[in-house]
Amino acid sequence: MAGVNKVILIGNLGKDPEVRYLDNGVAVANFSLATTENYKNKEGEKVSQTEWHNIVLWRGLAEVAEKWMKKGSSVYVEGKIRTRKWEDKDGNTRYSTEILGDNITMLGGKPLSVTPVEVGTATDKKDDLPF
């Protein structure tokens, strides 16, 4: 039976995306995304629990993140979980769990000052936007 590795997150960027370009010109964006769950505990008090996720976007999605996304932006991210393994300078094995995004939708909010009209205009100008 085949497995399924699918993640859906809605949250806010913790910082501006860090975008770098590889030697072959491929863009890679990294940013942290906060998701918050609110609930009431046994005593009836409201509790907020925030999880931080490391998001990685490649190619066109990375370029969109660089151009349009800022700290505080609200986004919908679809992707898959990927865990990388490496050795640090002391020879210790380290792991990093990331969300490899393959679909993003910007949900708006104050830090992202793009209106739907502006996005439509950018698309009409044939910019390489994947949405």
Protein backbone atom coordinates (compact mmCIF):
# COMPACT_ATOMS: atom_id res chain seq x y z
CA MET A 1 0.00 0.00 0.00
CA ALA A 2 1.32 3.46 -0.91
CA GLY A 3 1.87 6.04 1.82
CA VAL A 4 0.65 9.62 1.89
CA ASN A 5 2.80 12.56 2.98
CA LYS A 6 0.54 15.63 2.86
CA VAL A 7 0.61 18.72 5.06
CA ILE A 8 -1.81 21.66 5.06
CA LEU A 9 -0.98 24.70 7.19
CA ILE A 10 -2.51 28.14 7.61
CA GLY A 11 -0.42 30.57 9.58
CA ASN A 12 1.66 33.73 9.68
CA LEU A 13 5.27 34.25 8.65
CA GLY A 14 7.60 34.74 11.60
CA LYS A 15 10.13 36.63 9.47
CA ASP A 16 10.67 37.75 5.89
CA PRO A 17 11.53 34.84 3.58
CA GLU A 18 15.25 34.27 3.10
CA VAL A 19 15.76 33.65 -0.61
CA ARG A 20 18.97 32.47 -2.21
CA TYR A 21 19.79 31.51 -5.77
CA LEU A 22 21.82 28.40 -6.53
CA ASP A 23 24.62 28.46 -9.11
CA ASN A 24 22.18 27.23 -11.76
CA GLY A 25 19.81 30.15 -11.04
CA VAL A 26 17.20 28.13 -9.12
CA ALA A 27 15.59 30.10 -6.27
CA VAL A 28 15.12 28.60 -2.79
CA ALA A 29 13.12 30.36 -0.06
CA ASN A 30 13.12 29.53 3.65
CA PHE A 31 10.86 31.01 6.32
CA SER A 32 9.21 30.11 9.58
CA LEU A 33 5.43 29.81 9.79
CA ALA A 34 3.49 30.05 13.05
CA THR A 35 0.25 28.15 13.51
CA THR A 36 -1.76 28.79 16.66
CA GLU A 37 -4.38 26.57 18.26
CA ASN A 38 -6.76 28.12 20.79
CA TYR A 39 -8.71 26.06 23.30
CA LYS A 40 -10.02 26.10 26.86
CA ASN A 41 -8.28 24.02 29.52
CA LYS A 42 -9.99 22.08 32.33
CA GLU A 43 -10.31 25.27 34.36
CA GLY A 44 -12.10 27.00 31.49
CA GLU A 45 -9.19 29.33 30.78
CA LYS A 46 -8.33 30.20 27.20
CA VAL A 47 -5.00 28.71 26.13
CA SER A 48 -3.06 29.48 22.95
CA GLN A 49 -0.48 27.02 21.70
CA THR A 50 1.79 28.09 18.85
CA GLU A 51 3.80 25.70 16.69
CA TRP A 52 6.62 26.90 14.43
CA HIS A 53 7.21 25.21 11.09
CA ASN A 54 10.23 25.58 8.80
CA ILE A 55 8.98 26.06 5.24
CA VAL A 56 11.05 25.55 2.08
CA LEU A 57 9.88 26.73 -1.35
CA TRP A 58 11.65 26.16 -4.66
CA ARG A 59 11.79 27.88 -8.04
CA GLY A 60 8.73 30.00 -8.93
CA LEU A 61 7.17 29.66 -5.48
CA ALA A 62 10.40 30.94 -3.93
CA GLU A 63 10.35 33.92 -6.27
CA VAL A 64 6.73 34.66 -5.33
CA ALA A 65 7.67 34.50 -1.65
CA GLU A 66 10.56 36.90 -2.22
CA LYS A 67 8.38 39.38 -4.09
CA TRP A 68 5.11 39.30 -2.17
CA MET A 69 5.50 37.73 1.30
CA LYS A 70 6.70 39.57 4.42
CA LYS A 71 6.90 38.96 8.15
CA GLY A 72 3.34 38.64 9.46
CA SER A 73 1.84 37.66 6.09
CA SER A 74 -0.98 35.14 6.39
CA VAL A 75 -0.56 32.17 4.05
CA TYR A 76 -2.00 28.76 3.23
CA VAL A 77 0.72 26.18 2.54
CA GLU A 78 0.36 22.68 1.11
CA GLY A 79 3.31 20.37 0.95
CA LYS A 80 5.03 17.38 2.48
CA ILE A 81 7.19 16.71 5.52
CA ARG A 82 10.87 16.17 4.86
CA THR A 83 13.50 15.35 7.48
CA ARG A 84 17.14 15.99 6.65
CA LYS A 85 20.04 14.35 8.46
CA TRP A 86 23.61 15.66 8.71
CA GLU A 87 26.65 15.71 10.95
CA ASP A 88 27.68 18.91 12.71
CA LYS A 89 31.28 20.10 13.09
CA ASP A 90 31.68 17.93 16.21
CA GLY A 91 30.54 14.79 14.41
CA ASN A 92 27.11 14.70 16.09
CA THR A 93 24.16 13.55 14.00
CA ARG A 94 21.57 16.32 13.60
CA TYR A 95 18.08 16.29 12.12
CA SER A 96 15.93 19.07 10.70
CA THR A 97 12.25 18.66 9.86
CA GLU A 98 10.87 20.95 7.16
CA ILE A 99 7.72 21.42 5.14
CA LEU A 100 8.53 21.29 1.44
CA GLY A 101 5.82 23.53 0.02
CA ASP A 102 4.34 22.75 -3.37
CA ASN A 103 1.34 25.11 -3.23
CA ILE A 104 0.87 28.45 -1.47
CA THR A 105 -1.99 30.90 -1.30
CA MET A 106 -1.52 34.34 0.20
CA LEU A 107 -4.45 35.17 2.46
CA GLY A 108 -3.82 38.88 2.90
CA GLY A 109 -3.39 40.86 6.07
CA LYS A 110 -1.75 44.17 6.83
CA PRO A 111 1.91 43.24 6.23
CA LEU A 112 1.07 42.09 2.70
CA SER A 113 -0.11 45.23 0.94
CA VAL A 114 -1.13 43.60 -2.34
CA THR A 115 -4.73 43.90 -3.44
CA PRO A 116 -6.38 41.38 -5.77
CA VAL A 117 -6.35 44.07 -8.47
CA GLU A 118 -2.55 44.36 -8.21
CA VAL A 119 -2.11 40.59 -8.40
CA GLY A 120 -4.40 40.48 -11.44
CA THR A 121 -2.42 43.29 -13.05
CA ALA A 122 0.87 41.49 -12.39
CA THR A 123 -0.55 38.32 -13.94
CA ASP A 124 -1.79 40.28 -16.96
CA LYS A 125 1.77 41.53 -17.46
CA LYS A 126 2.84 37.86 -17.85
CA ASP A 127 4.91 37.74 -14.65
CA ASP A 128 5.65 34.15 -13.70
CA LEU A 129 3.18 33.88 -10.84
CA PRO A 130 1.96 30.35 -10.11
CA PHE A 131 -1.49 31.47 -8.95
